[in-house]
Amino acid sequence: MDFINRKRMPSQLQTHRVEELTYAVEGLHVKGLSLIPFQPVRRIIVYLRGGKGQVGRVRLARLLQFTDNHTLVFAPYYRGNNGSEGQDDFAGEDLKDVTVAIQILKAQFPEAHLHLIGFSRGGIQGLLTFQDAQVDSYIIWGGVSDLHLMYEERVDLRGMLRRMVGHPKKALQAYEKRDAMKHIGKSAPPILIIHGGKDVQVGIHQAYTLEAHLKKVGATFEAFYQLDEGHVPRPNAMCQVLKVIQQWMENIEFHKTNKKL
């Protein structure tokens, strides 16, 4: 299992090589952007973008926020986006675009720690895949956890949801298939919830709903709320949240390494 094409991107970085990677998912050629360190890979971060189409598209600057000299960052575009074949399915068949990429990366770097970060729409993508992918941890950042709640809160997105998923009262099976929380139990990988209190794109109640469920089932999690921030934190708050993410990953890796000893 491997990527079927690697396109070197023009960005010149001292620590990483930037490549657009193509891989096969059920006969479709799906693409993603990757930052590959020149040093040995000790950590992999798979970043799940938000939005749809050009809104929320994968950007190099975003991926650079998570890098260090030994971290590989990969972000799938999802099928139907940015040159990937197929049609965007909004947390449906495109979940395989996530899991297949993780399988390839794990096969190539079996000793590396692997963390999943789901932002905005990527939140539900991650909640539906992080357990099967057997990641070391999942970070849901300003993420959707409940599509029904999203439908109720975002009147402006109801048309898009009806086109891509269906009406909640008519497409019961489609929404049931995208109900991630019912599958999350005590044994799930650790979860870090990050959310802004003034987020109007994805309301903080999405985070509170997820937190309540994780408490109920006894899952391992932490929550970091920035109550004065919106969907994307302002510069100072962004620096703070990136430090929280880095510390979280280091703690997870430390405990996992010690368990092996």
C-alpha atoms as a PDB file:
ATOM      1  CA  MET A   1       0.000   0.000   0.000  1.00  0.00           C
ATOM      2  CA  ASP A   2       1.476   3.302  -1.115  1.00  0.00           C
ATOM      3  CA  PHE A   3       0.692   6.648  -2.662  1.00  0.00           C
ATOM      4  CA  ILE A   4       0.418   6.328  -6.424  1.00  0.00           C
ATOM      5  CA  ASN A   5       1.761   9.771  -7.281  1.00  0.00           C
ATOM      6  CA  ARG A   6       3.869  12.418  -5.571  1.00  0.00           C
ATOM      7  CA  LYS A   7       3.893  15.936  -6.988  1.00  0.00           C
ATOM      8  CA  ARG A   8       6.584  18.207  -5.608  1.00  0.00           C
ATOM      9  CA  MET A   9       5.106  21.594  -4.765  1.00  0.00           C
ATOM     10  CA  PRO A  10       7.081  24.814  -5.365  1.00  0.00           C
ATOM     11  CA  SER A  11       7.215  25.862  -1.698  1.00  0.00           C
ATOM     12  CA  GLN A  12      10.766  25.790  -0.348  1.00  0.00           C
ATOM     13  CA  LEU A  13      11.069  24.928   3.344  1.00  0.00           C
ATOM     14  CA  GLN A  14      14.234  24.243   5.308  1.00  0.00           C
ATOM     15  CA  THR A  15      12.719  21.436   7.367  1.00  0.00           C
ATOM     16  CA  HIS A  16      10.085  19.799   5.165  1.00  0.00           C
ATOM     17  CA  ARG A  17       9.385  18.748   1.602  1.00  0.00           C
ATOM     18  CA  VAL A  18       5.940  19.815   0.360  1.00  0.00           C
ATOM     19  CA  GLU A  19       4.155  17.282  -1.832  1.00  0.00           C
ATOM     20  CA  GLU A  20       0.695  16.735  -3.223  1.00  0.00           C
ATOM     21  CA  LEU A  21       0.038  13.029  -2.812  1.00  0.00           C
ATOM     22  CA  THR A  22      -2.428  10.939  -4.800  1.00  0.00           C
ATOM     23  CA  TYR A  23      -3.807   7.640  -3.538  1.00  0.00           C
ATOM     24  CA  ALA A  24      -6.479   5.168  -4.607  1.00  0.00           C
ATOM     25  CA  VAL A  25      -9.726   4.813  -2.673  1.00  0.00           C
ATOM     26  CA  GLU A  26     -12.213   2.342  -4.144  1.00  0.00           C
ATOM     27  CA  GLY A  27     -11.112   3.151  -7.683  1.00  0.00           C
ATOM     28  CA  LEU A  28     -11.013   6.919  -7.172  1.00  0.00           C
ATOM     29  CA  HIS A  29      -7.835   8.979  -7.246  1.00  0.00           C
ATOM     30  CA  VAL A  30      -7.925  11.172  -4.150  1.00  0.00           C
ATOM     31  CA  LYS A  31      -5.369  13.869  -3.373  1.00  0.00           C
ATOM     32  CA  GLY A  32      -3.978  15.527  -0.287  1.00  0.00           C
ATOM     33  CA  LEU A  33      -1.223  17.903   0.766  1.00  0.00           C
ATOM     34  CA  SER A  34       1.700  16.648   2.808  1.00  0.00           C
ATOM     35  CA  LEU A  35       4.638  18.173   4.665  1.00  0.00           C
ATOM     36  CA  ILE A  36       7.326  15.510   4.952  1.00  0.00           C
ATOM     37  CA  PRO A  37      10.237  16.238   7.305  1.00  0.00           C
ATOM     38  CA  PHE A  38      13.822  15.743   6.195  1.00  0.00           C
ATOM     39  CA  GLN A  39      14.536  14.290   9.641  1.00  0.00           C
ATOM     40  CA  PRO A  40      13.164  10.861  10.728  1.00  0.00           C
ATOM     41  CA  VAL A  41       9.371  10.833  11.173  1.00  0.00           C
ATOM     42  CA  ARG A  42       8.394  10.398  14.817  1.00  0.00           C
ATOM     43  CA  ARG A  43       4.912  11.878  14.678  1.00  0.00           C
ATOM     44  CA  ILE A  44       2.175  11.971  12.055  1.00  0.00           C
ATOM     45  CA  ILE A  45      -0.674  14.470  12.120  1.00  0.00           C
ATOM     46  CA  VAL A  46      -3.611  13.960   9.783  1.00  0.00           C
ATOM     47  CA  TYR A  47      -5.533  17.221   9.482  1.00  0.00           C
ATOM     48  CA  LEU A  48      -9.163  17.081   8.410  1.00  0.00           C
ATOM     49  CA  ARG A  49     -10.211  20.324   6.795  1.00  0.00           C
ATOM     50  CA  GLY A  50     -13.474  22.152   7.250  1.00  0.00           C
ATOM     51  CA  GLY A  51     -15.788  23.660   4.690  1.00  0.00           C
ATOM     52  CA  LYS A  52     -16.661  22.449   1.219  1.00  0.00           C
ATOM     53  CA  GLY A  53     -15.062  23.072  -2.144  1.00  0.00           C
ATOM     54  CA  GLN A  54     -12.885  26.180  -2.066  1.00  0.00           C
ATOM     55  CA  VAL A  55     -14.309  27.274   1.282  1.00  0.00           C
ATOM     56  CA  GLY A  56     -11.986  25.913   3.946  1.00  0.00           C
ATOM     57  CA  ARG A  57      -9.639  24.326   1.404  1.00  0.00           C
ATOM     58  CA  VAL A  58      -6.343  22.849   2.592  1.00  0.00           C
ATOM     59  CA  ARG A  59      -3.677  25.543   2.860  1.00  0.00           C
ATOM     60  CA  LEU A  60       0.045  25.208   3.467  1.00  0.00           C
ATOM     61  CA  ALA A  61       0.019  27.918   6.147  1.00  0.00           C
ATOM     62  CA  ARG A  62      -2.480  25.921   8.183  1.00  0.00           C
ATOM     63  CA  LEU A  63      -0.441  22.722   8.063  1.00  0.00           C
ATOM     64  CA  LEU A  64       2.721  24.587   9.025  1.00  0.00           C
ATOM     65  CA  GLN A  65       1.120  25.404  12.375  1.00  0.00           C
ATOM     66  CA  PHE A  66       1.527  21.780  13.444  1.00  0.00           C
ATOM     67  CA  THR A  67       5.027  20.989  12.223  1.00  0.00           C
ATOM     68  CA  ASP A  68       8.310  20.376  13.945  1.00  0.00           C
ATOM     69  CA  ASN A  69      11.489  18.739  12.657  1.00  0.00           C
ATOM     70  CA  HIS A  70      10.144  15.209  13.132  1.00  0.00           C
ATOM     71  CA  THR A  71       6.436  15.673  12.333  1.00  0.00           C
ATOM     72  CA  LEU A  72       4.776  14.697   9.059  1.00  0.00           C
ATOM     73  CA  VAL A  73       1.499  16.502   8.389  1.00  0.00           C
ATOM     74  CA  PHE A  74      -1.010  15.252   5.833  1.00  0.00           C
ATOM     75  CA  ALA A  75      -4.391  16.725   4.889  1.00  0.00           C
ATOM     76  CA  PRO A  76      -6.741  14.920   2.495  1.00  0.00           C
ATOM     77  CA  TYR A  77      -8.672  17.185   0.146  1.00  0.00           C
ATOM     78  CA  TYR A  78     -11.640  14.725   0.193  1.00  0.00           C
ATOM     79  CA  ARG A  79     -13.126  13.307  -2.975  1.00  0.00           C
ATOM     80  CA  GLY A  80     -14.605  15.846  -5.359  1.00  0.00           C
ATOM     81  CA  ASN A  81     -12.330  18.639  -4.118  1.00  0.00           C
ATOM     82  CA  ASN A  82      -9.172  20.234  -5.555  1.00  0.00           C
ATOM     83  CA  GLY A  83      -8.608  17.692  -8.302  1.00  0.00           C
ATOM     84  CA  SER A  84      -9.708  14.598  -6.384  1.00  0.00           C
ATOM     85  CA  GLU A  85     -12.054  12.342  -8.326  1.00  0.00           C
ATOM     86  CA  GLY A  86     -15.599  11.578  -7.218  1.00  0.00           C
ATOM     87  CA  GLN A  87     -18.154  13.701  -5.401  1.00  0.00           C
ATOM     88  CA  ASP A  88     -18.007  15.224  -1.932  1.00  0.00           C
ATOM     89  CA  ASP A  89     -20.243  13.156   0.344  1.00  0.00           C
ATOM     90  CA  PHE A  90     -20.039  15.127   3.631  1.00  0.00           C
ATOM     91  CA  ALA A  91     -19.087  12.490   6.200  1.00  0.00           C
ATOM     92  CA  GLY A  92     -20.307   9.632   4.038  1.00  0.00           C
ATOM     93  CA  GLU A  93     -18.198   7.662   1.575  1.00  0.00           C
ATOM     94  CA  ASP A  94     -15.459  10.288   1.874  1.00  0.00           C
ATOM     95  CA  LEU A  95     -14.615   8.900   5.316  1.00  0.00           C
ATOM     96  CA  LYS A  96     -12.677   6.245   3.424  1.00  0.00           C
ATOM     97  CA  ASP A  97     -10.467   9.026   2.055  1.00  0.00           C
ATOM     98  CA  VAL A  98      -9.362   9.527   5.659  1.00  0.00           C
ATOM     99  CA  THR A  99      -8.942   5.914   6.732  1.00  0.00           C
ATOM    100  CA  VAL A 100      -7.074   4.785   3.612  1.00  0.00           C
ATOM    101  CA  ALA A 101      -4.594   7.658   3.929  1.00  0.00           C
ATOM    102  CA  ILE A 102      -3.983   6.728   7.560  1.00  0.00           C
ATOM    103  CA  GLN A 103      -3.409   3.086   6.604  1.00  0.00           C
ATOM    104  CA  ILE A 104      -0.786   4.114   4.054  1.00  0.00           C
ATOM    105  CA  LEU A 105       0.994   6.438   6.474  1.00  0.00           C
ATOM    106  CA  LYS A 106       0.973   3.836   9.246  1.00  0.00           C
ATOM    107  CA  ALA A 107       2.446   1.245   6.902  1.00  0.00           C
ATOM    108  CA  GLN A 108       5.232   3.623   5.891  1.00  0.00           C
ATOM    109  CA  PHE A 109       6.011   4.867   9.401  1.00  0.00           C
ATOM    110  CA  PRO A 110       4.883   2.102  11.797  1.00  0.00           C
ATOM    111  CA  GLU A 111       6.811   3.467  14.789  1.00  0.00           C
ATOM    112  CA  ALA A 112       5.480   7.022  14.537  1.00  0.00           C
ATOM    113  CA  HIS A 113       2.765   8.357  16.822  1.00  0.00           C
ATOM    114  CA  LEU A 114      -0.359   9.383  14.931  1.00  0.00           C
ATOM    115  CA  HIS A 115      -2.822  12.110  15.881  1.00  0.00           C
ATOM    116  CA  LEU A 116      -5.952  13.218  14.062  1.00  0.00           C
ATOM    117  CA  ILE A 117      -7.103  16.854  14.056  1.00  0.00           C
ATOM    118  CA  GLY A 118     -10.606  17.633  12.820  1.00  0.00           C
ATOM    119  CA  PHE A 119     -11.523  21.279  12.269  1.00  0.00           C
ATOM    120  CA  SER A 120     -15.092  22.503  11.700  1.00  0.00           C
ATOM    121  CA  ARG A 121     -16.731  20.050   9.234  1.00  0.00           C
ATOM    122  CA  GLY A 122     -13.631  17.914   9.757  1.00  0.00           C
ATOM    123  CA  GLY A 123     -14.805  17.381  13.331  1.00  0.00           C
ATOM    124  CA  ILE A 124     -17.550  14.956  12.325  1.00  0.00           C
ATOM    125  CA  GLN A 125     -15.213  13.316   9.791  1.00  0.00           C
ATOM    126  CA  GLY A 126     -12.777  12.604  12.615  1.00  0.00           C
ATOM    127  CA  LEU A 127     -15.377  11.413  15.118  1.00  0.00           C
ATOM    128  CA  LEU A 128     -16.558   8.860  12.574  1.00  0.00           C
ATOM    129  CA  THR A 129     -13.064   7.539  11.804  1.00  0.00           C
ATOM    130  CA  PHE A 130     -10.699   8.003  14.762  1.00  0.00           C
ATOM    131  CA  GLN A 131     -11.562   4.724  16.469  1.00  0.00           C
ATOM    132  CA  ASP A 132     -11.300   2.476  13.414  1.00  0.00           C
ATOM    133  CA  ALA A 133      -8.081   4.259  12.445  1.00  0.00           C
ATOM    134  CA  GLN A 134      -6.627   3.459  15.888  1.00  0.00           C
ATOM    135  CA  VAL A 135      -4.995   6.855  16.288  1.00  0.00           C
ATOM    136  CA  ASP A 136      -3.118   7.817  19.438  1.00  0.00           C
ATOM    137  CA  SER A 137      -5.459  10.753  20.003  1.00  0.00           C
ATOM    138  CA  TYR A 138      -8.116  12.856  18.342  1.00  0.00           C
ATOM    139  CA  ILE A 139      -8.285  16.655  18.548  1.00  0.00           C
ATOM    140  CA  ILE A 140     -11.634  18.150  17.558  1.00  0.00           C
ATOM    141  CA  TRP A 141     -11.252  21.889  17.038  1.00  0.00           C
ATOM    142  CA  GLY A 142     -14.305  24.065  16.493  1.00  0.00           C
ATOM    143  CA  GLY A 143     -15.784  20.849  15.205  1.00  0.00           C
ATOM    144  CA  VAL A 144     -19.214  19.556  14.304  1.00  0.00           C
ATOM    145  CA  SER A 145     -20.195  16.646  16.537  1.00  0.00           C
ATOM    146  CA  ASP A 146     -23.938  16.432  15.790  1.00  0.00           C
ATOM    147  CA  LEU A 147     -25.398  16.982  12.311  1.00  0.00           C
ATOM    148  CA  HIS A 148     -28.931  17.376  13.655  1.00  0.00           C
ATOM    149  CA  LEU A 149     -27.743  20.216  15.856  1.00  0.00           C
ATOM    150  CA  MET A 150     -25.875  21.739  12.923  1.00  0.00           C
ATOM    151  CA  TYR A 151     -29.057  21.637  10.837  1.00  0.00           C
ATOM    152  CA  GLU A 152     -31.007  23.416  13.571  1.00  0.00           C
ATOM    153  CA  GLU A 153     -28.361  26.068  14.285  1.00  0.00           C
ATOM    154  CA  ARG A 154     -27.165  26.915  10.766  1.00  0.00           C
ATOM    155  CA  VAL A 155     -30.272  27.944   8.856  1.00  0.00           C
ATOM    156  CA  ASP A 156     -27.997  29.199   6.072  1.00  0.00           C
ATOM    157  CA  LEU A 157     -26.545  25.704   5.577  1.00  0.00           C
ATOM    158  CA  ARG A 158     -29.807  23.773   5.509  1.00  0.00           C
ATOM    159  CA  GLY A 159     -29.961  23.876   1.720  1.00  0.00           C
ATOM    160  CA  MET A 160     -26.459  22.414   1.430  1.00  0.00           C
ATOM    161  CA  LEU A 161     -27.229  19.716   4.001  1.00  0.00           C
ATOM    162  CA  ARG A 162     -30.475  18.774   2.231  1.00  0.00           C
ATOM    163  CA  ARG A 163     -28.577  18.441  -1.064  1.00  0.00           C
ATOM    164  CA  MET A 164     -25.661  16.450   0.330  1.00  0.00           C
ATOM    165  CA  VAL A 165     -27.234  14.441   3.155  1.00  0.00           C
ATOM    166  CA  GLY A 166     -30.986  14.984   2.997  1.00  0.00           C
ATOM    167  CA  HIS A 167     -33.669  16.380   5.269  1.00  0.00           C
ATOM    168  CA  PRO A 168     -33.280  15.109   8.857  1.00  0.00           C
ATOM    169  CA  LYS A 169     -36.907  13.917   8.955  1.00  0.00           C
ATOM    170  CA  LYS A 170     -36.794  12.237   5.544  1.00  0.00           C
ATOM    171  CA  ALA A 171     -33.230  10.915   5.259  1.00  0.00           C
ATOM    172  CA  LEU A 172     -33.244   9.135   8.602  1.00  0.00           C
ATOM    173  CA  GLN A 173     -30.739   6.484   7.542  1.00  0.00           C
ATOM    174  CA  ALA A 174     -28.262   9.053   6.213  1.00  0.00           C
ATOM    175  CA  TYR A 175     -28.271  10.973   9.487  1.00  0.00           C
ATOM    176  CA  GLU A 176     -28.160   7.768  11.514  1.00  0.00           C
ATOM    177  CA  LYS A 177     -25.050   6.711   9.580  1.00  0.00           C
ATOM    178  CA  ARG A 178     -23.434  10.034  10.472  1.00  0.00           C
ATOM    179  CA  ASP A 179     -24.274   9.805  14.189  1.00  0.00           C
ATOM    180  CA  ALA A 180     -20.757   9.491  15.555  1.00  0.00           C
ATOM    181  CA  MET A 181     -21.327   9.771  19.284  1.00  0.00           C
ATOM    182  CA  LYS A 182     -23.342   6.584  19.641  1.00  0.00           C
ATOM    183  CA  HIS A 183     -20.202   4.617  18.740  1.00  0.00           C
ATOM    184  CA  ILE A 184     -17.871   6.371  21.190  1.00  0.00           C
ATOM    185  CA  GLY A 185     -17.355   4.460  24.420  1.00  0.00           C
ATOM    186  CA  LYS A 186     -14.960   4.249  27.314  1.00  0.00           C
ATOM    187  CA  SER A 187     -12.217   2.547  25.296  1.00  0.00           C
ATOM    188  CA  ALA A 188     -12.029   5.261  22.617  1.00  0.00           C
ATOM    189  CA  PRO A 189      -8.659   6.956  22.041  1.00  0.00           C
ATOM    190  CA  PRO A 190      -8.181  10.152  24.086  1.00  0.00           C
ATOM    191  CA  ILE A 191     -10.001  13.218  22.776  1.00  0.00           C
ATOM    192  CA  LEU A 192      -9.107  16.889  23.135  1.00  0.00           C
ATOM    193  CA  ILE A 193     -12.042  19.262  22.571  1.00  0.00           C
ATOM    194  CA  ILE A 194     -11.193  22.832  21.531  1.00  0.00           C
ATOM    195  CA  HIS A 195     -13.863  25.445  20.896  1.00  0.00           C
ATOM    196  CA  GLY A 196     -14.455  29.174  20.892  1.00  0.00           C
ATOM    197  CA  GLY A 197     -17.298  30.600  22.932  1.00  0.00           C
ATOM    198  CA  LYS A 198     -18.165  33.166  20.247  1.00  0.00           C
ATOM    199  CA  ASP A 199     -18.049  30.699  17.357  1.00  0.00           C
ATOM    200  CA  VAL A 200     -21.019  31.406  15.085  1.00  0.00           C
ATOM    201  CA  GLN A 201     -20.015  28.939  12.343  1.00  0.00           C
ATOM    202  CA  VAL A 202     -20.078  25.944  14.692  1.00  0.00           C
ATOM    203  CA  GLY A 203     -21.744  26.804  17.984  1.00  0.00           C
ATOM    204  CA  ILE A 204     -20.023  25.839  21.225  1.00  0.00           C
ATOM    205  CA  HIS A 205     -23.038  23.665  22.068  1.00  0.00           C
ATOM    206  CA  GLN A 206     -21.529  21.153  19.622  1.00  0.00           C
ATOM    207  CA  ALA A 207     -18.566  20.863  22.001  1.00  0.00           C
ATOM    208  CA  TYR A 208     -20.747  20.779  25.119  1.00  0.00           C
ATOM    209  CA  THR A 209     -22.868  17.985  23.615  1.00  0.00           C
ATOM    210  CA  LEU A 210     -19.769  15.922  22.867  1.00  0.00           C
ATOM    211  CA  GLU A 211     -18.304  16.605  26.307  1.00  0.00           C
ATOM    212  CA  ALA A 212     -21.517  15.464  28.019  1.00  0.00           C
ATOM    213  CA  HIS A 213     -21.473  12.208  26.068  1.00  0.00           C
ATOM    214  CA  LEU A 214     -17.809  11.525  26.822  1.00  0.00           C
ATOM    215  CA  LYS A 215     -18.448  12.092  30.529  1.00  0.00           C
ATOM    216  CA  LYS A 216     -21.438   9.769  30.423  1.00  0.00           C
ATOM    217  CA  VAL A 217     -19.519   6.862  28.879  1.00  0.00           C
ATOM    218  CA  GLY A 218     -16.317   7.437  30.862  1.00  0.00           C
ATOM    219  CA  ALA A 219     -14.104   8.188  27.867  1.00  0.00           C
ATOM    220  CA  THR A 220     -10.721   9.857  28.270  1.00  0.00           C
ATOM    221  CA  PHE A 221     -10.871  13.500  27.231  1.00  0.00           C
ATOM    222  CA  GLU A 222      -9.907  17.070  28.008  1.00  0.00           C
ATOM    223  CA  ALA A 223     -11.607  20.301  26.959  1.00  0.00           C
ATOM    224  CA  PHE A 224     -10.048  23.671  26.216  1.00  0.00           C
ATOM    225  CA  TYR A 225     -12.513  26.492  25.695  1.00  0.00           C
ATOM    226  CA  GLN A 226     -11.605  30.002  24.565  1.00  0.00           C
ATOM    227  CA  LEU A 227     -14.818  31.778  25.497  1.00  0.00           C
ATOM    228  CA  ASP A 228     -13.870  35.107  23.918  1.00  0.00           C
ATOM    229  CA  GLU A 229     -12.834  33.601  20.570  1.00  0.00           C
ATOM    230  CA  GLY A 230     -14.717  32.800  17.392  1.00  0.00           C
ATOM    231  CA  HIS A 231     -14.341  29.971  14.873  1.00  0.00           C
ATOM    232  CA  VAL A 232     -10.727  30.912  14.166  1.00  0.00           C
ATOM    233  CA  PRO A 233      -8.883  32.354  17.189  1.00  0.00           C
ATOM    234  CA  ARG A 234      -7.184  35.742  17.010  1.00  0.00           C
ATOM    235  CA  PRO A 235      -3.346  35.680  16.816  1.00  0.00           C
ATOM    236  CA  ASN A 236      -2.573  35.607  20.553  1.00  0.00           C
ATOM    237  CA  ALA A 237      -5.288  33.056  21.219  1.00  0.00           C
ATOM    238  CA  MET A 238      -4.099  31.028  18.221  1.00  0.00           C
ATOM    239  CA  CYS A 239      -0.608  30.812  19.725  1.00  0.00           C
ATOM    240  CA  GLN A 240      -2.151  29.645  22.974  1.00  0.00           C
ATOM    241  CA  VAL A 241      -4.263  26.912  21.413  1.00  0.00           C
ATOM    242  CA  LEU A 242      -1.355  25.616  19.318  1.00  0.00           C
ATOM    243  CA  LYS A 243       0.699  25.281  22.506  1.00  0.00           C
ATOM    244  CA  VAL A 244      -2.165  23.354  24.108  1.00  0.00           C
ATOM    245  CA  ILE A 245      -2.297  20.990  21.131  1.00  0.00           C
ATOM    246  CA  GLN A 246       1.460  20.400  21.182  1.00  0.00           C
ATOM    247  CA  GLN A 247       1.451  19.745  24.922  1.00  0.00           C
ATOM    248  CA  TRP A 248      -1.494  17.386  24.565  1.00  0.00           C
ATOM    249  CA  MET A 249       0.276  15.320  21.907  1.00  0.00           C
ATOM    250  CA  GLU A 250       3.495  15.202  23.927  1.00  0.00           C
ATOM    251  CA  ASN A 251       1.603  13.991  27.007  1.00  0.00           C
ATOM    252  CA  ILE A 252      -0.202  11.296  25.038  1.00  0.00           C
ATOM    253  CA  GLU A 253       3.041  10.089  23.473  1.00  0.00           C
ATOM    254  CA  PHE A 254       4.861  10.099  26.820  1.00  0.00           C
ATOM    255  CA  HIS A 255       2.219   7.924  28.474  1.00  0.00           C
ATOM    256  CA  LYS A 256       2.014   5.554  25.521  1.00  0.00           C
ATOM    257  CA  THR A 257       5.793   5.144  25.364  1.00  0.00           C
ATOM    258  CA  ASN A 258       6.000   4.455  29.103  1.00  0.00           C
ATOM    259  CA  LYS A 259       3.295   1.798  28.833  1.00  0.00           C
ATOM    260  CA  LYS A 260       5.490  -0.090  26.377  1.00  0.00           C
ATOM    261  CA  LEU A 261       8.485  -0.098  28.729  1.00  0.00           C
END
